[in-house]
Amino acid sequence: MIARRPMLALLTFAAALAGALHAGTPTTPWNDARQLVLVTVADWNTDHGTLRTFTRGAHGWVAAGVAAPVTIGKTGAGWGLGLNAPQRGGPVKREGDNRSPAGVFRIGDTFGYAASTDTAMPYLALNATEYCVDVSGAAHYNRIVDANVVGADAVKGSTEPMRRDLHLNGDQRYRMGFVIEQNPQAKPLAGSCIFAHLWKSPTDSTAGCTAMMPSVMQSLLAWMRPEDKPIFVLLPQREYERLRKSWQLPAIAAADIAP
């Protein structure tokens, strides 16, 4: 009898799990997400795509806004490190490869040049001494830090001053944005400082972020709620079709996934 108890417990667990799956209980690591910012692109090497937003309720995902164009990394996309399990096939995101990370990611802090903005999300009012450290192996790799707090040596070599307007001839791309939590464990060379931010123009791609027009960003910041655990998803069309059901993502007509 004693020897059978582990098997009995296993069978009981399996039956309960099967029942939960049959009942449609979410099983992804992003079960708790009720807001989704979705970007789809034509293929791994495309530098632009379409952004859509969804809310999740009792009956699944429902569209929450109008589709909008975005630009992504100048060399396309590559599998990043987020909430989803590692995937085979396709390029892998690496530091400096100019690819935007593909997968499912938590949305972190919002940020901007203004002292405050219209958002319920945590907001970081940027100052002239804040940097995102993109030096692999550095103590603060893949973190936004204030050089006045951590010391000038801690941000030495970083190419990501957050106040681009003050450091880079008035650049407005970080005037409004939010953190996409790619590589939150700061794995060396796996990619850093991935944001959603304003685009320079509709034809200018990025170094690995997702960029959009100011009105779209402003709407996203006002719409997102921390209690709804918003997630960011970026996928090429073929991967979206392959993973949509198992990742519990909304159905989108194939012709509408990417321009």
C-alpha atoms as a PDB file:
ATOM      1  CA  MET A   1       0.000   0.000   0.000  1.00  0.00           C
ATOM      2  CA  ILE A   2       2.796   2.441   0.868  1.00  0.00           C
ATOM      3  CA  ALA A   3       4.468   1.908  -2.487  1.00  0.00           C
ATOM      4  CA  ARG A   4       1.276   2.812  -4.313  1.00  0.00           C
ATOM      5  CA  ARG A   5       0.708   6.180  -2.671  1.00  0.00           C
ATOM      6  CA  PRO A   6       3.080   8.184  -4.907  1.00  0.00           C
ATOM      7  CA  MET A   7       1.441   6.672  -8.002  1.00  0.00           C
ATOM      8  CA  LEU A   8      -2.012   7.388  -6.593  1.00  0.00           C
ATOM      9  CA  ALA A   9      -1.026  10.984  -5.868  1.00  0.00           C
ATOM     10  CA  LEU A  10       0.411  11.342  -9.362  1.00  0.00           C
ATOM     11  CA  LEU A  11      -2.755  10.004 -10.950  1.00  0.00           C
ATOM     12  CA  THR A  12      -4.876  12.317  -8.844  1.00  0.00           C
ATOM     13  CA  PHE A  13      -2.751  15.310  -9.873  1.00  0.00           C
ATOM     14  CA  ALA A  14      -2.892  14.295 -13.537  1.00  0.00           C
ATOM     15  CA  ALA A  15      -6.657  13.961 -13.380  1.00  0.00           C
ATOM     16  CA  ALA A  16      -6.984  17.372 -11.756  1.00  0.00           C
ATOM     17  CA  LEU A  17      -4.689  18.933 -14.348  1.00  0.00           C
ATOM     18  CA  ALA A  18      -6.615  17.312 -17.191  1.00  0.00           C
ATOM     19  CA  GLY A  19      -9.837  18.641 -15.724  1.00  0.00           C
ATOM     20  CA  ALA A  20      -8.409  22.119 -15.457  1.00  0.00           C
ATOM     21  CA  LEU A  21      -7.203  22.026 -19.039  1.00  0.00           C
ATOM     22  CA  HIS A  22     -10.575  20.750 -20.218  1.00  0.00           C
ATOM     23  CA  ALA A  23     -12.242  23.597 -18.352  1.00  0.00           C
ATOM     24  CA  GLY A  24     -10.005  26.112 -20.114  1.00  0.00           C
ATOM     25  CA  THR A  25      -7.952  27.128 -17.081  1.00  0.00           C
ATOM     26  CA  PRO A  26      -4.917  29.187 -18.208  1.00  0.00           C
ATOM     27  CA  THR A  27      -1.610  27.333 -17.876  1.00  0.00           C
ATOM     28  CA  THR A  28       0.882  29.868 -19.225  1.00  0.00           C
ATOM     29  CA  PRO A  29       3.292  31.817 -16.979  1.00  0.00           C
ATOM     30  CA  TRP A  30       1.316  34.931 -17.922  1.00  0.00           C
ATOM     31  CA  ASN A  31      -2.016  33.576 -16.581  1.00  0.00           C
ATOM     32  CA  ASP A  32      -2.610  36.756 -14.636  1.00  0.00           C
ATOM     33  CA  ALA A  33      -2.199  39.143 -17.575  1.00  0.00           C
ATOM     34  CA  ARG A  34      -5.388  40.965 -18.512  1.00  0.00           C
ATOM     35  CA  GLN A  35      -3.829  43.479 -20.890  1.00  0.00           C
ATOM     36  CA  LEU A  36      -1.825  42.623 -24.000  1.00  0.00           C
ATOM     37  CA  VAL A  37       0.266  44.800 -26.295  1.00  0.00           C
ATOM     38  CA  LEU A  38       0.813  42.671 -29.388  1.00  0.00           C
ATOM     39  CA  VAL A  39       3.261  43.367 -32.216  1.00  0.00           C
ATOM     40  CA  THR A  40       3.300  41.118 -35.266  1.00  0.00           C
ATOM     41  CA  VAL A  41       5.801  41.275 -38.131  1.00  0.00           C
ATOM     42  CA  ALA A  42       5.929  39.548 -41.503  1.00  0.00           C
ATOM     43  CA  ASP A  43       9.100  37.519 -40.841  1.00  0.00           C
ATOM     44  CA  TRP A  44      12.303  37.407 -38.785  1.00  0.00           C
ATOM     45  CA  ASN A  45      14.089  39.989 -40.925  1.00  0.00           C
ATOM     46  CA  THR A  46      11.342  42.624 -41.232  1.00  0.00           C
ATOM     47  CA  ASP A  47      11.969  45.958 -39.496  1.00  0.00           C
ATOM     48  CA  HIS A  48       8.336  47.063 -39.139  1.00  0.00           C
ATOM     49  CA  GLY A  49       5.025  45.619 -38.028  1.00  0.00           C
ATOM     50  CA  THR A  50       1.592  46.210 -36.553  1.00  0.00           C
ATOM     51  CA  LEU A  51       0.678  46.918 -32.926  1.00  0.00           C
ATOM     52  CA  ARG A  52      -2.671  45.895 -31.419  1.00  0.00           C
ATOM     53  CA  THR A  53      -4.031  45.941 -27.880  1.00  0.00           C
ATOM     54  CA  PHE A  54      -6.335  43.468 -26.143  1.00  0.00           C
ATOM     55  CA  THR A  55      -8.007  43.001 -22.782  1.00  0.00           C
ATOM     56  CA  ARG A  56      -8.775  39.582 -21.312  1.00  0.00           C
ATOM     57  CA  GLY A  57     -12.007  38.803 -19.501  1.00  0.00           C
ATOM     58  CA  ALA A  58     -14.216  35.814 -18.825  1.00  0.00           C
ATOM     59  CA  HIS A  59     -14.536  35.059 -22.536  1.00  0.00           C
ATOM     60  CA  GLY A  60     -10.907  35.529 -23.541  1.00  0.00           C
ATOM     61  CA  TRP A  61      -9.076  38.294 -25.353  1.00  0.00           C
ATOM     62  CA  VAL A  62     -11.038  41.186 -26.837  1.00  0.00           C
ATOM     63  CA  ALA A  63      -9.587  43.907 -29.070  1.00  0.00           C
ATOM     64  CA  ALA A  64      -9.089  47.137 -27.136  1.00  0.00           C
ATOM     65  CA  GLY A  65      -7.962  49.587 -29.791  1.00  0.00           C
ATOM     66  CA  VAL A  66      -7.154  50.322 -33.413  1.00  0.00           C
ATOM     67  CA  ALA A  67      -4.133  48.707 -35.097  1.00  0.00           C
ATOM     68  CA  ALA A  68      -1.159  51.016 -35.513  1.00  0.00           C
ATOM     69  CA  PRO A  69       2.163  50.800 -37.392  1.00  0.00           C
ATOM     70  CA  VAL A  70       5.447  50.374 -35.526  1.00  0.00           C
ATOM     71  CA  THR A  71       9.096  49.978 -36.382  1.00  0.00           C
ATOM     72  CA  ILE A  72      11.400  47.439 -34.731  1.00  0.00           C
ATOM     73  CA  GLY A  73      15.066  46.454 -34.928  1.00  0.00           C
ATOM     74  CA  LYS A  74      16.831  47.326 -38.161  1.00  0.00           C
ATOM     75  CA  THR A  75      17.795  43.654 -38.680  1.00  0.00           C
ATOM     76  CA  GLY A  76      14.406  42.299 -37.579  1.00  0.00           C
ATOM     77  CA  ALA A  77      13.633  40.110 -34.558  1.00  0.00           C
ATOM     78  CA  GLY A  78      15.209  37.233 -32.615  1.00  0.00           C
ATOM     79  CA  TRP A  79      14.116  35.042 -29.724  1.00  0.00           C
ATOM     80  CA  GLY A  80      14.565  36.917 -26.455  1.00  0.00           C
ATOM     81  CA  LEU A  81      14.500  35.946 -22.787  1.00  0.00           C
ATOM     82  CA  GLY A  82      11.110  36.607 -21.275  1.00  0.00           C
ATOM     83  CA  LEU A  83       8.227  34.597 -19.832  1.00  0.00           C
ATOM     84  CA  ASN A  84       7.986  31.899 -22.499  1.00  0.00           C
ATOM     85  CA  ALA A  85      10.003  28.716 -22.724  1.00  0.00           C
ATOM     86  CA  PRO A  86      13.012  28.739 -25.105  1.00  0.00           C
ATOM     87  CA  GLN A  87      12.055  28.128 -28.730  1.00  0.00           C
ATOM     88  CA  ARG A  88      13.817  26.424 -31.611  1.00  0.00           C
ATOM     89  CA  GLY A  89      14.109  27.894 -35.061  1.00  0.00           C
ATOM     90  CA  GLY A  90      14.797  31.501 -35.897  1.00  0.00           C
ATOM     91  CA  PRO A  91      17.595  33.794 -34.733  1.00  0.00           C
ATOM     92  CA  VAL A  92      18.375  34.392 -31.058  1.00  0.00           C
ATOM     93  CA  LYS A  93      18.618  37.900 -29.629  1.00  0.00           C
ATOM     94  CA  ARG A  94      22.189  38.938 -28.756  1.00  0.00           C
ATOM     95  CA  GLU A  95      23.703  42.176 -27.498  1.00  0.00           C
ATOM     96  CA  GLY A  96      24.316  44.608 -30.350  1.00  0.00           C
ATOM     97  CA  ASP A  97      22.606  42.577 -33.072  1.00  0.00           C
ATOM     98  CA  ASN A  98      19.973  45.266 -33.790  1.00  0.00           C
ATOM     99  CA  ARG A  99      17.164  42.714 -33.427  1.00  0.00           C
ATOM    100  CA  SER A 100      14.048  43.236 -31.328  1.00  0.00           C
ATOM    101  CA  PRO A 101      13.352  40.385 -28.888  1.00  0.00           C
ATOM    102  CA  ALA A 102      10.559  38.000 -29.841  1.00  0.00           C
ATOM    103  CA  GLY A 103       8.421  36.260 -27.232  1.00  0.00           C
ATOM    104  CA  VAL A 104       6.284  37.228 -24.235  1.00  0.00           C
ATOM    105  CA  PHE A 105       7.530  39.873 -21.795  1.00  0.00           C
ATOM    106  CA  ARG A 106       6.267  41.735 -18.772  1.00  0.00           C
ATOM    107  CA  ILE A 107       5.882  45.473 -19.182  1.00  0.00           C
ATOM    108  CA  GLY A 108       7.937  47.332 -16.597  1.00  0.00           C
ATOM    109  CA  ASP A 109       8.225  50.993 -15.650  1.00  0.00           C
ATOM    110  CA  THR A 110       7.074  53.768 -17.909  1.00  0.00           C
ATOM    111  CA  PHE A 111       9.385  56.755 -18.341  1.00  0.00           C
ATOM    112  CA  GLY A 112       9.706  60.142 -19.946  1.00  0.00           C
ATOM    113  CA  TYR A 113      11.226  63.592 -19.965  1.00  0.00           C
ATOM    114  CA  ALA A 114       8.274  65.214 -18.159  1.00  0.00           C
ATOM    115  CA  ALA A 115       7.997  65.367 -14.386  1.00  0.00           C
ATOM    116  CA  SER A 116       4.771  63.346 -14.629  1.00  0.00           C
ATOM    117  CA  THR A 117       2.475  61.864 -17.262  1.00  0.00           C
ATOM    118  CA  ASP A 118      -1.001  60.413 -17.655  1.00  0.00           C
ATOM    119  CA  THR A 119      -0.446  56.805 -16.598  1.00  0.00           C
ATOM    120  CA  ALA A 120      -1.325  54.501 -13.704  1.00  0.00           C
ATOM    121  CA  MET A 121       1.871  52.516 -14.287  1.00  0.00           C
ATOM    122  CA  PRO A 122       5.033  53.227 -12.258  1.00  0.00           C
ATOM    123  CA  TYR A 123       6.628  56.276 -13.896  1.00  0.00           C
ATOM    124  CA  LEU A 124      10.261  57.344 -13.921  1.00  0.00           C
ATOM    125  CA  ALA A 125      10.853  61.035 -14.590  1.00  0.00           C
ATOM    126  CA  LEU A 126      14.222  60.912 -16.311  1.00  0.00           C
ATOM    127  CA  ASN A 127      17.104  63.198 -15.477  1.00  0.00           C
ATOM    128  CA  ALA A 128      20.373  64.002 -17.206  1.00  0.00           C
ATOM    129  CA  THR A 129      22.439  61.500 -15.214  1.00  0.00           C
ATOM    130  CA  GLU A 130      20.328  58.398 -15.844  1.00  0.00           C
ATOM    131  CA  TYR A 131      21.596  55.686 -18.161  1.00  0.00           C
ATOM    132  CA  CYS A 132      20.560  52.215 -19.184  1.00  0.00           C
ATOM    133  CA  VAL A 133      23.705  50.107 -18.889  1.00  0.00           C
ATOM    134  CA  ASP A 134      24.291  48.125 -22.092  1.00  0.00           C
ATOM    135  CA  VAL A 135      27.808  46.961 -21.192  1.00  0.00           C
ATOM    136  CA  SER A 136      27.620  43.176 -20.804  1.00  0.00           C
ATOM    137  CA  GLY A 137      29.191  42.004 -17.570  1.00  0.00           C
ATOM    138  CA  ALA A 138      28.801  45.348 -15.834  1.00  0.00           C
ATOM    139  CA  ALA A 139      27.293  45.274 -12.353  1.00  0.00           C
ATOM    140  CA  HIS A 140      24.172  47.124 -13.539  1.00  0.00           C
ATOM    141  CA  TYR A 141      23.885  45.498 -16.977  1.00  0.00           C
ATOM    142  CA  ASN A 142      20.366  45.914 -18.410  1.00  0.00           C
ATOM    143  CA  ARG A 143      19.289  48.340 -15.665  1.00  0.00           C
ATOM    144  CA  ILE A 144      18.389  52.026 -15.689  1.00  0.00           C
ATOM    145  CA  VAL A 145      20.552  53.722 -13.064  1.00  0.00           C
ATOM    146  CA  ASP A 146      21.453  57.228 -11.971  1.00  0.00           C
ATOM    147  CA  ALA A 147      25.167  57.964 -12.252  1.00  0.00           C
ATOM    148  CA  ASN A 148      24.838  60.337  -9.306  1.00  0.00           C
ATOM    149  CA  VAL A 149      23.748  57.348  -7.204  1.00  0.00           C
ATOM    150  CA  VAL A 150      25.839  54.446  -8.531  1.00  0.00           C
ATOM    151  CA  GLY A 151      28.877  56.494  -9.560  1.00  0.00           C
ATOM    152  CA  ALA A 152      30.212  57.546 -12.951  1.00  0.00           C
ATOM    153  CA  ASP A 153      32.351  54.407 -13.303  1.00  0.00           C
ATOM    154  CA  ALA A 154      29.219  52.203 -13.136  1.00  0.00           C
ATOM    155  CA  VAL A 155      27.878  53.689 -16.387  1.00  0.00           C
ATOM    156  CA  LYS A 156      31.228  54.015 -18.149  1.00  0.00           C
ATOM    157  CA  GLY A 157      30.957  52.848 -21.750  1.00  0.00           C
ATOM    158  CA  SER A 158      27.161  52.833 -21.799  1.00  0.00           C
ATOM    159  CA  THR A 159      25.650  54.066 -25.058  1.00  0.00           C
ATOM    160  CA  GLU A 160      22.169  54.602 -23.601  1.00  0.00           C
ATOM    161  CA  PRO A 161      21.725  57.987 -21.913  1.00  0.00           C
ATOM    162  CA  MET A 162      18.017  58.146 -21.070  1.00  0.00           C
ATOM    163  CA  ARG A 163      17.767  61.900 -21.574  1.00  0.00           C
ATOM    164  CA  ARG A 164      18.555  61.723 -25.260  1.00  0.00           C
ATOM    165  CA  ASP A 165      17.336  65.282 -25.696  1.00  0.00           C
ATOM    166  CA  LEU A 166      20.149  66.541 -23.459  1.00  0.00           C
ATOM    167  CA  HIS A 167      22.894  64.193 -24.670  1.00  0.00           C
ATOM    168  CA  LEU A 168      22.003  63.676 -28.336  1.00  0.00           C
ATOM    169  CA  ASN A 169      21.059  66.988 -29.910  1.00  0.00           C
ATOM    170  CA  GLY A 170      17.460  67.198 -28.760  1.00  0.00           C
ATOM    171  CA  ASP A 171      16.476  63.619 -29.642  1.00  0.00           C
ATOM    172  CA  GLN A 172      12.842  63.029 -28.581  1.00  0.00           C
ATOM    173  CA  ARG A 173      12.641  59.228 -28.850  1.00  0.00           C
ATOM    174  CA  TYR A 174      12.636  58.655 -25.080  1.00  0.00           C
ATOM    175  CA  ARG A 175      10.247  61.513 -24.355  1.00  0.00           C
ATOM    176  CA  MET A 176       7.641  58.831 -23.616  1.00  0.00           C
ATOM    177  CA  GLY A 177       8.134  55.092 -23.323  1.00  0.00           C
ATOM    178  CA  PHE A 178       8.098  51.935 -21.250  1.00  0.00           C
ATOM    179  CA  VAL A 179      10.443  49.100 -20.389  1.00  0.00           C
ATOM    180  CA  ILE A 180       9.993  45.727 -22.099  1.00  0.00           C
ATOM    181  CA  GLU A 181      11.388  43.248 -19.573  1.00  0.00           C
ATOM    182  CA  GLN A 182      13.689  41.331 -21.896  1.00  0.00           C
ATOM    183  CA  ASN A 183      16.518  39.423 -20.176  1.00  0.00           C
ATOM    184  CA  PRO A 184      15.451  40.431 -16.631  1.00  0.00           C
ATOM    185  CA  GLN A 185      18.142  38.129 -15.197  1.00  0.00           C
ATOM    186  CA  ALA A 186      20.779  40.217 -17.016  1.00  0.00           C
ATOM    187  CA  LYS A 187      22.338  37.185 -18.695  1.00  0.00           C
ATOM    188  CA  PRO A 188      25.613  38.345 -20.306  1.00  0.00           C
ATOM    189  CA  LEU A 189      25.371  39.239 -23.998  1.00  0.00           C
ATOM    190  CA  ALA A 190      21.668  38.277 -24.166  1.00  0.00           C
ATOM    191  CA  GLY A 191      20.505  41.828 -24.925  1.00  0.00           C
ATOM    192  CA  SER A 192      19.730  44.889 -22.874  1.00  0.00           C
ATOM    193  CA  CYS A 193      17.822  48.150 -22.645  1.00  0.00           C
ATOM    194  CA  ILE A 194      14.790  47.106 -24.664  1.00  0.00           C
ATOM    195  CA  PHE A 195      12.019  49.696 -24.665  1.00  0.00           C
ATOM    196  CA  ALA A 196       8.910  50.795 -26.447  1.00  0.00           C
ATOM    197  CA  HIS A 197       9.486  54.444 -27.344  1.00  0.00           C
ATOM    198  CA  LEU A 198       8.667  57.149 -29.881  1.00  0.00           C
ATOM    199  CA  TRP A 199       9.868  56.747 -33.412  1.00  0.00           C
ATOM    200  CA  LYS A 200      12.144  59.185 -35.188  1.00  0.00           C
ATOM    201  CA  SER A 201      10.038  58.712 -38.322  1.00  0.00           C
ATOM    202  CA  PRO A 202       7.786  55.980 -39.810  1.00  0.00           C
ATOM    203  CA  THR A 203      10.724  54.735 -41.878  1.00  0.00           C
ATOM    204  CA  ASP A 204      13.436  54.737 -39.206  1.00  0.00           C
ATOM    205  CA  SER A 205      14.014  51.345 -37.575  1.00  0.00           C
ATOM    206  CA  THR A 206      15.601  50.879 -34.138  1.00  0.00           C
ATOM    207  CA  ALA A 207      18.560  49.190 -32.469  1.00  0.00           C
ATOM    208  CA  GLY A 208      16.223  46.570 -30.960  1.00  0.00           C
ATOM    209  CA  CYS A 209      13.321  48.492 -29.434  1.00  0.00           C
ATOM    210  CA  THR A 210       9.777  48.965 -30.733  1.00  0.00           C
ATOM    211  CA  ALA A 211       8.973  52.514 -31.853  1.00  0.00           C
ATOM    212  CA  MET A 212       5.701  54.241 -32.638  1.00  0.00           C
ATOM    213  CA  MET A 213       4.029  57.598 -33.157  1.00  0.00           C
ATOM    214  CA  PRO A 214       3.490  59.785 -30.047  1.00  0.00           C
ATOM    215  CA  SER A 215      -0.310  59.498 -30.079  1.00  0.00           C
ATOM    216  CA  VAL A 216      -0.113  55.690 -29.916  1.00  0.00           C
ATOM    217  CA  MET A 217       2.356  55.772 -27.035  1.00  0.00           C
ATOM    218  CA  GLN A 218       0.253  58.304 -25.164  1.00  0.00           C
ATOM    219  CA  SER A 219      -2.805  56.054 -25.525  1.00  0.00           C
ATOM    220  CA  LEU A 220      -0.866  53.008 -24.295  1.00  0.00           C
ATOM    221  CA  LEU A 221       0.441  54.790 -21.212  1.00  0.00           C
ATOM    222  CA  ALA A 222      -3.049  55.985 -20.291  1.00  0.00           C
ATOM    223  CA  TRP A 223      -4.601  52.547 -20.955  1.00  0.00           C
ATOM    224  CA  MET A 224      -2.224  50.237 -19.058  1.00  0.00           C
ATOM    225  CA  ARG A 225      -2.940  49.323 -15.438  1.00  0.00           C
ATOM    226  CA  PRO A 226      -0.430  47.626 -13.108  1.00  0.00           C
ATOM    227  CA  GLU A 227      -3.179  45.510 -11.520  1.00  0.00           C
ATOM    228  CA  ASP A 228      -3.904  44.043 -14.970  1.00  0.00           C
ATOM    229  CA  LYS A 229      -0.298  42.787 -15.297  1.00  0.00           C
ATOM    230  CA  PRO A 230       0.188  43.948 -18.907  1.00  0.00           C
ATOM    231  CA  ILE A 231       2.395  41.892 -21.214  1.00  0.00           C
ATOM    232  CA  PHE A 232       4.173  42.688 -24.455  1.00  0.00           C
ATOM    233  CA  VAL A 233       4.290  40.071 -27.221  1.00  0.00           C
ATOM    234  CA  LEU A 234       6.297  40.317 -30.448  1.00  0.00           C
ATOM    235  CA  LEU A 235       6.225  37.511 -33.010  1.00  0.00           C
ATOM    236  CA  PRO A 236       6.693  36.934 -36.741  1.00  0.00           C
ATOM    237  CA  GLN A 237       3.530  35.811 -38.531  1.00  0.00           C
ATOM    238  CA  ARG A 238       4.472  32.142 -38.877  1.00  0.00           C
ATOM    239  CA  GLU A 239       5.477  31.851 -35.232  1.00  0.00           C
ATOM    240  CA  TYR A 240       2.288  33.589 -34.154  1.00  0.00           C
ATOM    241  CA  GLU A 241       0.201  31.082 -36.064  1.00  0.00           C
ATOM    242  CA  ARG A 242       2.206  28.180 -34.593  1.00  0.00           C
ATOM    243  CA  LEU A 243       2.048  29.341 -30.977  1.00  0.00           C
ATOM    244  CA  ARG A 244      -1.223  31.220 -30.703  1.00  0.00           C
ATOM    245  CA  LYS A 245      -3.329  28.451 -29.161  1.00  0.00           C
ATOM    246  CA  SER A 246      -0.745  27.058 -26.751  1.00  0.00           C
ATOM    247  CA  TRP A 247       0.216  30.569 -25.661  1.00  0.00           C
ATOM    248  CA  GLN A 248      -3.461  31.569 -25.395  1.00  0.00           C
ATOM    249  CA  LEU A 249      -3.158  34.590 -27.651  1.00  0.00           C
ATOM    250  CA  PRO A 250      -6.046  36.213 -29.546  1.00  0.00           C
ATOM    251  CA  ALA A 251      -7.052  35.025 -32.971  1.00  0.00           C
ATOM    252  CA  ILE A 252      -6.103  37.371 -35.804  1.00  0.00           C
ATOM    253  CA  ALA A 253      -6.824  36.821 -39.456  1.00  0.00           C
ATOM    254  CA  ALA A 254      -3.615  35.765 -41.193  1.00  0.00           C
ATOM    255  CA  ALA A 255      -3.965  38.564 -43.748  1.00  0.00           C
ATOM    256  CA  ASP A 256      -4.118  41.115 -40.928  1.00  0.00           C
ATOM    257  CA  ILE A 257      -1.082  40.009 -38.901  1.00  0.00           C
ATOM    258  CA  ALA A 258       1.538  42.106 -40.640  1.00  0.00           C
ATOM    259  CA  PRO A 259       1.596  44.615 -43.503  1.00  0.00           C
END
